[in-house]
């Protein structure tokens, strides 16, 4: 059974940092590209970042480029999203994705 479990969300002040983690199980993790999406209230879910199966290629949305970094550890079946210089507009539920599989999401709130 495929499982994606996100953690690391929370409340942070503008300019702060958070590191999201996603623990994957039930599939051959190292064979799949991984993605982080986010969905803010009343908005469409949007792709934040993608990392190739081997980790050599990453892509980040323009809105987070230079502030967020996706990474993975294939030995641990983990994918991460390091988020720096957070802004109120980064407030959303963040989801881990592999192929057709989704985690339950973790809430990130950026507010003073």
C-alpha atoms as a PDB file:
ATOM      1  CA  UNK A   1       0.000   0.000   0.000  1.00  0.00           C
ATOM      2  CA  UNK A   2       1.424   3.329  -1.074  1.00  0.00           C
ATOM      3  CA  UNK A   3       1.814   5.902   1.675  1.00  0.00           C
ATOM      4  CA  UNK A   4       3.090   9.465   1.562  1.00  0.00           C
ATOM      5  CA  UNK A   5       3.234  11.157   4.946  1.00  0.00           C
ATOM      6  CA  UNK A   6       4.120  14.826   5.177  1.00  0.00           C
ATOM      7  CA  UNK A   7       5.403  16.562   8.291  1.00  0.00           C
ATOM      8  CA  UNK A   8       7.115  19.758   9.321  1.00  0.00           C
ATOM      9  CA  UNK A   9       4.396  22.315   8.735  1.00  0.00           C
ATOM     10  CA  UNK A  10       3.414  24.942  11.256  1.00  0.00           C
ATOM     11  CA  UNK A  11       3.103  28.624  12.028  1.00  0.00           C
ATOM     12  CA  UNK A  12       6.073  30.819  11.185  1.00  0.00           C
ATOM     13  CA  UNK A  13       6.678  34.546  10.994  1.00  0.00           C
ATOM     14  CA  UNK A  14       7.398  36.243   7.669  1.00  0.00           C
ATOM     15  CA  UNK A  15      11.044  35.809   6.790  1.00  0.00           C
ATOM     16  CA  UNK A  16      11.269  32.565   8.703  1.00  0.00           C
ATOM     17  CA  UNK A  17      12.085  29.049   7.559  1.00  0.00           C
ATOM     18  CA  UNK A  18      10.518  25.616   7.641  1.00  0.00           C
ATOM     19  CA  UNK A  19      11.602  22.230   6.356  1.00  0.00           C
ATOM     20  CA  UNK A  20       8.882  19.916   5.138  1.00  0.00           C
ATOM     21  CA  UNK A  21       9.475  16.187   4.984  1.00  0.00           C
ATOM     22  CA  UNK A  22       7.626  13.446   3.151  1.00  0.00           C
ATOM     23  CA  UNK A  23       8.113   9.800   4.089  1.00  0.00           C
ATOM     24  CA  UNK A  24       7.280   7.412   1.268  1.00  0.00           C
ATOM     25  CA  UNK A  25       6.524   3.703   1.406  1.00  0.00           C
ATOM     26  CA  UNK A  26       4.830   0.976  -0.605  1.00  0.00           C
ATOM     27  CA  UNK A  27       6.519   1.639  -3.934  1.00  0.00           C
ATOM     28  CA  UNK A  28       9.965   1.805  -5.482  1.00  0.00           C
ATOM     29  CA  UNK A  29      10.738   5.327  -4.351  1.00  0.00           C
ATOM     30  CA  UNK A  30      13.959   5.713  -6.310  1.00  0.00           C
ATOM     31  CA  UNK A  31      12.121   5.084  -9.587  1.00  0.00           C
ATOM     32  CA  UNK A  32       9.770   8.033  -9.306  1.00  0.00           C
ATOM     33  CA  UNK A  33      10.052  11.756  -9.680  1.00  0.00           C
ATOM     34  CA  UNK A  34       8.623  13.499  -6.634  1.00  0.00           C
ATOM     35  CA  UNK A  35       6.715  16.728  -6.404  1.00  0.00           C
ATOM     36  CA  UNK A  36       5.531  19.207  -3.809  1.00  0.00           C
ATOM     37  CA  UNK A  37       2.249  20.993  -4.450  1.00  0.00           C
ATOM     38  CA  UNK A  38       0.395  23.536  -2.387  1.00  0.00           C
ATOM     39  CA  UNK A  39      -3.165  24.741  -2.160  1.00  0.00           C
ATOM     40  CA  UNK A  40      -4.206  27.982  -0.549  1.00  0.00           C
ATOM     41  CA  UNK A  41      -7.817  28.600   0.519  1.00  0.00           C
ATOM     42  CA  UNK A  42     -10.000  29.343  -2.488  1.00  0.00           C
ATOM     43  CA  UNK A  43      -7.194  28.671  -4.948  1.00  0.00           C
ATOM     44  CA  UNK A  44      -6.186  25.886  -7.306  1.00  0.00           C
ATOM     45  CA  UNK A  45      -3.553  23.406  -6.251  1.00  0.00           C
ATOM     46  CA  UNK A  46      -0.241  24.497  -7.733  1.00  0.00           C
ATOM     47  CA  UNK A  47       3.046  22.746  -8.383  1.00  0.00           C
ATOM     48  CA  UNK A  48       5.800  24.130  -6.160  1.00  0.00           C
ATOM     49  CA  UNK A  49       8.774  21.933  -6.976  1.00  0.00           C
ATOM     50  CA  UNK A  50       9.786  18.716  -8.713  1.00  0.00           C
ATOM     51  CA  UNK A  51      12.813  16.475  -8.363  1.00  0.00           C
ATOM     52  CA  UNK A  52      13.837  13.678 -10.712  1.00  0.00           C
ATOM     53  CA  UNK A  53      14.014  10.094  -9.566  1.00  0.00           C
ATOM     54  CA  UNK A  54      17.767  10.212  -9.042  1.00  0.00           C
ATOM     55  CA  UNK A  55      17.754  13.715  -7.620  1.00  0.00           C
ATOM     56  CA  UNK A  56      19.948  15.268 -10.282  1.00  0.00           C
ATOM     57  CA  UNK A  57      17.287  17.540 -11.748  1.00  0.00           C
ATOM     58  CA  UNK A  58      15.085  19.952  -9.858  1.00  0.00           C
ATOM     59  CA  UNK A  59      12.534  22.512 -10.931  1.00  0.00           C
ATOM     60  CA  UNK A  60      10.895  25.196  -8.812  1.00  0.00           C
ATOM     61  CA  UNK A  61       7.950  27.458  -9.478  1.00  0.00           C
ATOM     62  CA  UNK A  62       8.902  31.043 -10.233  1.00  0.00           C
ATOM     63  CA  UNK A  63       7.068  32.152  -7.097  1.00  0.00           C
ATOM     64  CA  UNK A  64       9.450  30.178  -4.855  1.00  0.00           C
ATOM     65  CA  UNK A  65      12.646  30.138  -6.900  1.00  0.00           C
ATOM     66  CA  UNK A  66      15.623  31.179  -4.815  1.00  0.00           C
ATOM     67  CA  UNK A  67      13.710  30.657  -1.562  1.00  0.00           C
ATOM     68  CA  UNK A  68      12.627  26.994  -1.634  1.00  0.00           C
ATOM     69  CA  UNK A  69      14.745  23.935  -2.351  1.00  0.00           C
ATOM     70  CA  UNK A  70      13.507  20.410  -3.024  1.00  0.00           C
ATOM     71  CA  UNK A  71      15.767  17.472  -2.227  1.00  0.00           C
ATOM     72  CA  UNK A  72      15.496  13.738  -1.670  1.00  0.00           C
ATOM     73  CA  UNK A  73      17.252  10.872   0.055  1.00  0.00           C
ATOM     74  CA  UNK A  74      16.619   7.658  -1.830  1.00  0.00           C
ATOM     75  CA  UNK A  75      18.284   5.582   0.879  1.00  0.00           C
ATOM     76  CA  UNK A  76      15.685   6.787   3.360  1.00  0.00           C
ATOM     77  CA  UNK A  77      12.699   7.103   0.969  1.00  0.00           C
ATOM     78  CA  UNK A  78      12.362  10.746   1.921  1.00  0.00           C
ATOM     79  CA  UNK A  79      11.738  13.956   0.033  1.00  0.00           C
ATOM     80  CA  UNK A  80      12.177  17.401   1.552  1.00  0.00           C
ATOM     81  CA  UNK A  81      11.215  20.981   0.891  1.00  0.00           C
ATOM     82  CA  UNK A  82      13.417  23.586   2.531  1.00  0.00           C
ATOM     83  CA  UNK A  83      11.506  26.849   2.662  1.00  0.00           C
ATOM     84  CA  UNK A  84      13.349  30.060   3.489  1.00  0.00           C
ATOM     85  CA  UNK A  85      12.340  33.712   3.473  1.00  0.00           C
ATOM     86  CA  UNK A  86       8.718  32.712   3.880  1.00  0.00           C
ATOM     87  CA  UNK A  87       5.999  35.155   2.910  1.00  0.00           C
ATOM     88  CA  UNK A  88       2.331  35.355   3.922  1.00  0.00           C
ATOM     89  CA  UNK A  89       1.415  34.289   0.390  1.00  0.00           C
ATOM     90  CA  UNK A  90       3.185  30.978   0.993  1.00  0.00           C
ATOM     91  CA  UNK A  91       0.403  30.063   3.415  1.00  0.00           C
ATOM     92  CA  UNK A  92      -1.195  26.868   2.135  1.00  0.00           C
ATOM     93  CA  UNK A  93      -1.552  23.156   2.651  1.00  0.00           C
ATOM     94  CA  UNK A  94       1.518  21.498   1.171  1.00  0.00           C
ATOM     95  CA  UNK A  95       1.205  18.076  -0.447  1.00  0.00           C
ATOM     96  CA  UNK A  96       3.744  15.462  -1.428  1.00  0.00           C
ATOM     97  CA  UNK A  97       3.071  13.679  -4.723  1.00  0.00           C
ATOM     98  CA  UNK A  98       4.418  10.651  -6.553  1.00  0.00           C
ATOM     99  CA  UNK A  99       2.709   9.676  -9.815  1.00  0.00           C
ATOM    100  CA  UNK A 100      -0.983   9.311  -8.881  1.00  0.00           C
ATOM    101  CA  UNK A 101      -0.360   9.157  -5.157  1.00  0.00           C
ATOM    102  CA  UNK A 102      -0.827  11.995  -2.677  1.00  0.00           C
ATOM    103  CA  UNK A 103      -0.112  12.597   0.961  1.00  0.00           C
ATOM    104  CA  UNK A 104      -2.640  14.049   3.360  1.00  0.00           C
ATOM    105  CA  UNK A 105      -0.951  17.441   3.404  1.00  0.00           C
ATOM    106  CA  UNK A 106       0.664  19.620   6.037  1.00  0.00           C
ATOM    107  CA  UNK A 107      -0.455  23.146   6.864  1.00  0.00           C
ATOM    108  CA  UNK A 108       2.006  26.008   6.536  1.00  0.00           C
ATOM    109  CA  UNK A 109       0.909  29.364   7.895  1.00  0.00           C
ATOM    110  CA  UNK A 110       3.079  32.442   7.522  1.00  0.00           C
ATOM    111  CA  UNK A 111       1.856  35.235   9.731  1.00  0.00           C
ATOM    112  CA  UNK A 112       3.065  37.746  12.261  1.00  0.00           C
END
